Amino acid sequence: MKLLTSSEIKKLNDKEIEDEIFNIKKTLFDFRMKRATKQLIKPHLFKLYKRQLAKILTITSNSNYINN
C-alpha cells in the first residue's frame, strides 16, 4: 500500500477516502493481531499507518468543516 501525501488525499473523492480508511484500519488490525501472537512485524510500518490514518481523518474533518 502506497502512503499518500496531503495533496494526494485532497484530490480523492469520498468513496476513495472511505476505501483508504478501511484498508488502513484493516492493516493496523492485522499488525495488532500479529504482535499479539508474537509473529514477526515491522514496527515502523505500524507507526507509518497510524500517522497516515490520522492525516486522512484530519484532512477530511477540516474539509468537512470548511464546506459546511
PDB file of N, CA and C in Angstrom:
ATOM      1  N   MET A   1       0.839  -1.165   0.000  1.00  0.00           N
ATOM      2  CA  MET A   1       0.000   0.000   0.000  1.00  0.00           C
ATOM      3  C   MET A   1       0.892   1.239   0.000  1.00  0.00           C
ATOM      4  N   LYS A   2       0.577   2.157  -0.880  1.00  0.00           N
ATOM      5  CA  LYS A   2       1.360   3.379  -1.005  1.00  0.00           C
ATOM      6  C   LYS A   2       0.837   4.419  -0.026  1.00  0.00           C
ATOM      7  N   LEU A   3       1.740   5.068   0.681  1.00  0.00           N
ATOM      8  CA  LEU A   3       1.345   6.135   1.586  1.00  0.00           C
ATOM      9  C   LEU A   3       1.143   7.413   0.786  1.00  0.00           C
ATOM     10  N   LEU A   4       0.045   8.104   1.070  1.00  0.00           N
ATOM     11  CA  LEU A   4      -0.341   9.277   0.303  1.00  0.00           C
ATOM     12  C   LEU A   4       0.145  10.565   0.954  1.00  0.00           C
ATOM     13  N   THR A   5       0.404  11.553   0.114  1.00  0.00           N
ATOM     14  CA  THR A   5       0.742  12.878   0.624  1.00  0.00           C
ATOM     15  C   THR A   5      -0.548  13.657   0.853  1.00  0.00           C
ATOM     16  N   SER A   6      -0.440  14.783   1.508  1.00  0.00           N
ATOM     17  CA  SER A   6      -1.615  15.603   1.803  1.00  0.00           C
ATOM     18  C   SER A   6      -2.314  16.061   0.532  1.00  0.00           C
ATOM     19  N   SER A   7      -1.558  16.468  -0.456  1.00  0.00           N
ATOM     20  CA  SER A   7      -2.167  16.932  -1.707  1.00  0.00           C
ATOM     21  C   SER A   7      -2.876  15.791  -2.433  1.00  0.00           C
ATOM     22  N   GLU A   8      -2.337  14.583  -2.358  1.00  0.00           N
ATOM     23  CA  GLU A   8      -2.996  13.432  -2.981  1.00  0.00           C
ATOM     24  C   GLU A   8      -4.292  13.088  -2.257  1.00  0.00           C
ATOM     25  N   ILE A   9      -4.298  13.221  -0.946  1.00  0.00           N
ATOM     26  CA  ILE A   9      -5.503  12.930  -0.168  1.00  0.00           C
ATOM     27  C   ILE A   9      -6.606  13.919  -0.518  1.00  0.00           C
ATOM     28  N   LYS A  10      -6.249  15.178  -0.684  1.00  0.00           N
ATOM     29  CA  LYS A  10      -7.240  16.209  -1.006  1.00  0.00           C
ATOM     30  C   LYS A  10      -7.876  15.989  -2.369  1.00  0.00           C
ATOM     31  N   LYS A  11      -7.184  15.299  -3.270  1.00  0.00           N
ATOM     32  CA  LYS A  11      -7.702  15.041  -4.611  1.00  0.00           C
ATOM     33  C   LYS A  11      -8.647  13.842  -4.655  1.00  0.00           C
ATOM     34  N   LEU A  12      -8.672  13.030  -3.608  1.00  0.00           N
ATOM     35  CA  LEU A  12      -9.507  11.826  -3.597  1.00  0.00           C
ATOM     36  C   LEU A  12     -10.974  12.187  -3.409  1.00  0.00           C
ATOM     37  N   ASN A  13     -11.860  11.373  -4.016  1.00  0.00           N
ATOM     38  CA  ASN A  13     -13.287  11.576  -3.772  1.00  0.00           C
ATOM     39  C   ASN A  13     -13.691  10.810  -2.511  1.00  0.00           C
ATOM     40  N   ASP A  14     -14.948  10.955  -2.111  1.00  0.00           N
ATOM     41  CA  ASP A  14     -15.404  10.374  -0.845  1.00  0.00           C
ATOM     42  C   ASP A  14     -15.262   8.854  -0.810  1.00  0.00           C
ATOM     43  N   LYS A  15     -15.588   8.191  -1.899  1.00  0.00           N
ATOM     44  CA  LYS A  15     -15.508   6.726  -1.949  1.00  0.00           C
ATOM     45  C   LYS A  15     -14.059   6.253  -1.799  1.00  0.00           C
ATOM     46  N   GLU A  16     -13.145   6.920  -2.474  1.00  0.00           N
ATOM     47  CA  GLU A  16     -11.734   6.541  -2.381  1.00  0.00           C
ATOM     48  C   GLU A  16     -11.192   6.770  -0.973  1.00  0.00           C
ATOM     49  N   ILE A  17     -11.638   7.845  -0.331  1.00  0.00           N
ATOM     50  CA  ILE A  17     -11.205   8.123   1.039  1.00  0.00           C
ATOM     51  C   ILE A  17     -11.723   7.046   1.985  1.00  0.00           C
ATOM     52  N   GLU A  18     -12.992   6.666   1.829  1.00  0.00           N
ATOM     53  CA  GLU A  18     -13.555   5.604   2.668  1.00  0.00           C
ATOM     54  C   GLU A  18     -12.797   4.296   2.474  1.00  0.00           C
ATOM     55  N   ASP A  19     -12.480   3.969   1.230  1.00  0.00           N
ATOM     56  CA  ASP A  19     -11.724   2.744   0.946  1.00  0.00           C
ATOM     57  C   ASP A  19     -10.336   2.792   1.575  1.00  0.00           C
ATOM     58  N   GLU A  20      -9.691   3.938   1.481  1.00  0.00           N
ATOM     59  CA  GLU A  20      -8.350   4.096   2.050  1.00  0.00           C
ATOM     60  C   GLU A  20      -8.387   3.947   3.570  1.00  0.00           C
ATOM     61  N   ILE A  21      -9.384   4.567   4.211  1.00  0.00           N
ATOM     62  CA  ILE A  21      -9.525   4.455   5.666  1.00  0.00           C
ATOM     63  C   ILE A  21      -9.764   3.004   6.062  1.00  0.00           C
ATOM     64  N   PHE A  22     -10.643   2.311   5.339  1.00  0.00           N
ATOM     65  CA  PHE A  22     -10.929   0.908   5.635  1.00  0.00           C
ATOM     66  C   PHE A  22      -9.669   0.053   5.502  1.00  0.00           C
ATOM     67  N   ASN A  23      -8.916   0.266   4.432  1.00  0.00           N
ATOM     68  CA  ASN A  23      -7.701  -0.525   4.206  1.00  0.00           C
ATOM     69  C   ASN A  23      -6.663  -0.289   5.294  1.00  0.00           C
ATOM     70  N   ILE A  24      -6.511   0.953   5.711  1.00  0.00           N
ATOM     71  CA  ILE A  24      -5.531   1.257   6.756  1.00  0.00           C
ATOM     72  C   ILE A  24      -5.960   0.643   8.081  1.00  0.00           C
ATOM     73  N   LYS A  25      -7.254   0.755   8.417  1.00  0.00           N
ATOM     74  CA  LYS A  25      -7.737   0.168   9.670  1.00  0.00           C
ATOM     75  C   LYS A  25      -7.576  -1.347   9.662  1.00  0.00           C
ATOM     76  N   LYS A  26      -7.820  -1.971   8.510  1.00  0.00           N
ATOM     77  CA  LYS A  26      -7.649  -3.422   8.390  1.00  0.00           C
ATOM     78  C   LYS A  26      -6.178  -3.805   8.569  1.00  0.00           C
ATOM     79  N   THR A  27      -5.296  -3.036   7.966  1.00  0.00           N
ATOM     80  CA  THR A  27      -3.863  -3.290   8.091  1.00  0.00           C
ATOM     81  C   THR A  27      -3.402  -3.136   9.532  1.00  0.00           C
ATOM     82  N   LEU A  28      -3.863  -2.089  10.208  1.00  0.00           N
ATOM     83  CA  LEU A  28      -3.500  -1.885  11.609  1.00  0.00           C
ATOM     84  C   LEU A  28      -4.019  -3.023  12.489  1.00  0.00           C
ATOM     85  N   PHE A  29      -5.224  -3.499  12.206  1.00  0.00           N
ATOM     86  CA  PHE A  29      -5.771  -4.631  12.951  1.00  0.00           C
ATOM     87  C   PHE A  29      -4.896  -5.867  12.755  1.00  0.00           C
ATOM     88  N   ASP A  30      -4.506  -6.115  11.508  1.00  0.00           N
ATOM     89  CA  ASP A  30      -3.633  -7.261  11.222  1.00  0.00           C
ATOM     90  C   ASP A  30      -2.300  -7.143  11.960  1.00  0.00           C
ATOM     91  N   PHE A  31      -1.747  -5.932  11.993  1.00  0.00           N
ATOM     92  CA  PHE A  31      -0.493  -5.715  12.723  1.00  0.00           C
ATOM     93  C   PHE A  31      -0.668  -6.010  14.209  1.00  0.00           C
ATOM     94  N   ARG A  32      -1.789  -5.560  14.787  1.00  0.00           N
ATOM     95  CA  ARG A  32      -2.035  -5.808  16.214  1.00  0.00           C
ATOM     96  C   ARG A  32      -2.186  -7.298  16.496  1.00  0.00           C
ATOM     97  N   MET A  33      -2.853  -8.017  15.603  1.00  0.00           N
ATOM     98  CA  MET A  33      -3.010  -9.460  15.790  1.00  0.00           C
ATOM     99  C   MET A  33      -1.663 -10.169  15.682  1.00  0.00           C
ATOM    100  N   LYS A  34      -0.850  -9.764  14.739  1.00  0.00           N
ATOM    101  CA  LYS A  34       0.472 -10.375  14.601  1.00  0.00           C
ATOM    102  C   LYS A  34       1.338 -10.088  15.821  1.00  0.00           C
ATOM    103  N   ARG A  35       1.248  -8.879  16.345  1.00  0.00           N
ATOM    104  CA  ARG A  35       2.030  -8.526  17.529  1.00  0.00           C
ATOM    105  C   ARG A  35       1.544  -9.328  18.736  1.00  0.00           C
ATOM    106  N   ALA A  36       0.238  -9.540  18.845  1.00  0.00           N
ATOM    107  CA  ALA A  36      -0.313 -10.280  19.977  1.00  0.00           C
ATOM    108  C   ALA A  36       0.069 -11.757  19.926  1.00  0.00           C
ATOM    109  N   THR A  37       0.217 -12.297  18.728  1.00  0.00           N
ATOM    110  CA  THR A  37       0.579 -13.711  18.588  1.00  0.00           C
ATOM    111  C   THR A  37       2.080 -13.907  18.406  1.00  0.00           C
ATOM    112  N   LYS A  38       2.838 -12.855  18.667  1.00  0.00           N
ATOM    113  CA  LYS A  38       4.307 -12.897  18.621  1.00  0.00           C
ATOM    114  C   LYS A  38       4.861 -13.224  17.238  1.00  0.00           C
ATOM    115  N   GLN A  39       4.102 -12.893  16.193  1.00  0.00           N
ATOM    116  CA  GLN A  39       4.619 -13.072  14.845  1.00  0.00           C
ATOM    117  C   GLN A  39       5.489 -11.874  14.486  1.00  0.00           C
ATOM    118  N   LEU A  40       6.285 -12.050  13.482  1.00  0.00           N
ATOM    119  CA  LEU A  40       7.214 -11.007  13.072  1.00  0.00           C
ATOM    120  C   LEU A  40       6.462  -9.865  12.393  1.00  0.00           C
ATOM    121  N   ILE A  41       6.618  -8.663  12.926  1.00  0.00           N
ATOM    122  CA  ILE A  41       6.065  -7.472  12.283  1.00  0.00           C
ATOM    123  C   ILE A  41       7.160  -6.421  12.184  1.00  0.00           C
ATOM    124  N   LYS A  42       6.911  -5.435  11.374  1.00  0.00           N
ATOM    125  CA  LYS A  42       7.842  -4.325  11.238  1.00  0.00           C
ATOM    126  C   LYS A  42       7.243  -3.132  11.972  1.00  0.00           C
ATOM    127  N   PRO A  43       7.761  -2.799  13.141  1.00  0.00           N
ATOM    128  CA  PRO A  43       7.166  -1.754  13.967  1.00  0.00           C
ATOM    129  C   PRO A  43       7.095  -0.392  13.289  1.00  0.00           C
ATOM    130  N   HIS A  44       8.028  -0.103  12.403  1.00  0.00           N
ATOM    131  CA  HIS A  44       7.999   1.198  11.744  1.00  0.00           C
ATOM    132  C   HIS A  44       6.780   1.335  10.831  1.00  0.00           C
ATOM    133  N   LEU A  45       6.300   0.229  10.270  1.00  0.00           N
ATOM    134  CA  LEU A  45       5.105   0.286   9.433  1.00  0.00           C
ATOM    135  C   LEU A  45       3.861   0.568  10.265  1.00  0.00           C
ATOM    136  N   PHE A  46       3.808   0.018  11.460  1.00  0.00           N
ATOM    137  CA  PHE A  46       2.689   0.280  12.367  1.00  0.00           C
ATOM    138  C   PHE A  46       2.576   1.779  12.614  1.00  0.00           C
ATOM    139  N   LYS A  47       3.698   2.410  12.882  1.00  0.00           N
ATOM    140  CA  LYS A  47       3.745   3.851  13.141  1.00  0.00           C
ATOM    141  C   LYS A  47       3.334   4.643  11.896  1.00  0.00           C
ATOM    142  N   LEU A  48       3.822   4.253  10.731  1.00  0.00           N
ATOM    143  CA  LEU A  48       3.504   4.966   9.498  1.00  0.00           C
ATOM    144  C   LEU A  48       2.015   4.901   9.169  1.00  0.00           C
ATOM    145  N   TYR A  49       1.415   3.725   9.339  1.00  0.00           N
ATOM    146  CA  TYR A  49      -0.003   3.585   9.026  1.00  0.00           C
ATOM    147  C   TYR A  49      -0.877   4.355  10.010  1.00  0.00           C
ATOM    148  N   LYS A  50      -0.481   4.387  11.271  1.00  0.00           N
ATOM    149  CA  LYS A  50      -1.229   5.179  12.247  1.00  0.00           C
ATOM    150  C   LYS A  50      -1.184   6.661  11.883  1.00  0.00           C
ATOM    151  N   ARG A  51      -0.031   7.128  11.478  1.00  0.00           N
ATOM    152  CA  ARG A  51       0.097   8.531  11.080  1.00  0.00           C
ATOM    153  C   ARG A  51      -0.676   8.826   9.803  1.00  0.00           C
ATOM    154  N   GLN A  52      -0.664   7.879   8.863  1.00  0.00           N
ATOM    155  CA  GLN A  52      -1.404   8.055   7.616  1.00  0.00           C
ATOM    156  C   GLN A  52      -2.902   8.157   7.899  1.00  0.00           C
ATOM    157  N   LEU A  53      -3.406   7.310   8.783  1.00  0.00           N
ATOM    158  CA  LEU A  53      -4.815   7.356   9.149  1.00  0.00           C
ATOM    159  C   LEU A  53      -5.156   8.692   9.801  1.00  0.00           C
ATOM    160  N   ALA A  54      -4.312   9.153  10.696  1.00  0.00           N
ATOM    161  CA  ALA A  54      -4.544  10.440  11.354  1.00  0.00           C
ATOM    162  C   ALA A  54      -4.537  11.576  10.336  1.00  0.00           C
ATOM    163  N   LYS A  55      -3.631  11.509   9.380  1.00  0.00           N
ATOM    164  CA  LYS A  55      -3.552  12.548   8.356  1.00  0.00           C
ATOM    165  C   LYS A  55      -4.830  12.592   7.519  1.00  0.00           C
ATOM    166  N   ILE A  56      -5.310  11.421   7.102  1.00  0.00           N
ATOM    167  CA  ILE A  56      -6.523  11.359   6.287  1.00  0.00           C
ATOM    168  C   ILE A  56      -7.724  11.874   7.073  1.00  0.00           C
ATOM    169  N   LEU A  57      -7.865  11.430   8.315  1.00  0.00           N
ATOM    170  CA  LEU A  57      -9.003  11.857   9.120  1.00  0.00           C
ATOM    171  C   LEU A  57      -8.953  13.355   9.408  1.00  0.00           C
ATOM    172  N   THR A  58      -7.780  13.895   9.624  1.00  0.00           N
ATOM    173  CA  THR A  58      -7.637  15.328   9.874  1.00  0.00           C
ATOM    174  C   THR A  58      -8.011  16.135   8.640  1.00  0.00           C
ATOM    175  N   ILE A  59      -7.521  15.737   7.495  1.00  0.00           N
ATOM    176  CA  ILE A  59      -7.816  16.471   6.259  1.00  0.00           C
ATOM    177  C   ILE A  59      -9.297  16.400   5.934  1.00  0.00           C
ATOM    178  N   THR A  60      -9.901  15.224   6.099  1.00  0.00           N
ATOM    179  CA  THR A  60     -11.327  15.109   5.789  1.00  0.00           C
ATOM    180  C   THR A  60     -12.176  15.894   6.777  1.00  0.00           C
ATOM    181  N   SER A  61     -11.798  15.915   8.043  1.00  0.00           N
ATOM    182  CA  SER A  61     -12.586  16.687   9.011  1.00  0.00           C
ATOM    183  C   SER A  61     -12.431  18.183   8.756  1.00  0.00           C
ATOM    184  N   ASN A  62     -11.245  18.625   8.359  1.00  0.00           N
ATOM    185  CA  ASN A  62     -11.052  20.034   8.023  1.00  0.00           C
ATOM    186  C   ASN A  62     -11.833  20.425   6.780  1.00  0.00           C
ATOM    187  N   SER A  63     -11.845  19.573   5.775  1.00  0.00           N
ATOM    188  CA  SER A  63     -12.576  19.899   4.553  1.00  0.00           C
ATOM    189  C   SER A  63     -14.078  19.881   4.807  1.00  0.00           C
ATOM    190  N   ASN A  64     -14.560  18.982   5.673  1.00  0.00           N
ATOM    191  CA  ASN A  64     -15.982  18.974   6.021  1.00  0.00           C
ATOM    192  C   ASN A  64     -16.351  20.226   6.792  1.00  0.00           C
ATOM    193  N   TYR A  65     -15.477  20.682   7.653  1.00  0.00           N
ATOM    194  CA  TYR A  65     -15.722  21.886   8.437  1.00  0.00           C
ATOM    195  C   TYR A  65     -15.776  23.112   7.526  1.00  0.00           C
ATOM    196  N   ILE A  66     -14.890  23.176   6.544  1.00  0.00           N
ATOM    197  CA  ILE A  66     -14.850  24.310   5.622  1.00  0.00           C
ATOM    198  C   ILE A  66     -16.065  24.295   4.702  1.00  0.00           C
ATOM    199  N   ASN A  67     -16.479  23.105   4.244  1.00  0.00           N
ATOM    200  CA  ASN A  67     -17.604  23.002   3.318  1.00  0.00           C
ATOM    201  C   ASN A  67     -18.940  23.281   3.984  1.00  0.00           C
ATOM    202  N   ASN A  68     -19.055  23.088   5.287  1.00  0.00           N
ATOM    203  CA  ASN A  68     -20.341  23.300   5.974  1.00  0.00           C
ATOM    204  C   ASN A  68     -20.453  24.653   6.527  1.00  0.00           C
TER     205      ASN A  68
END
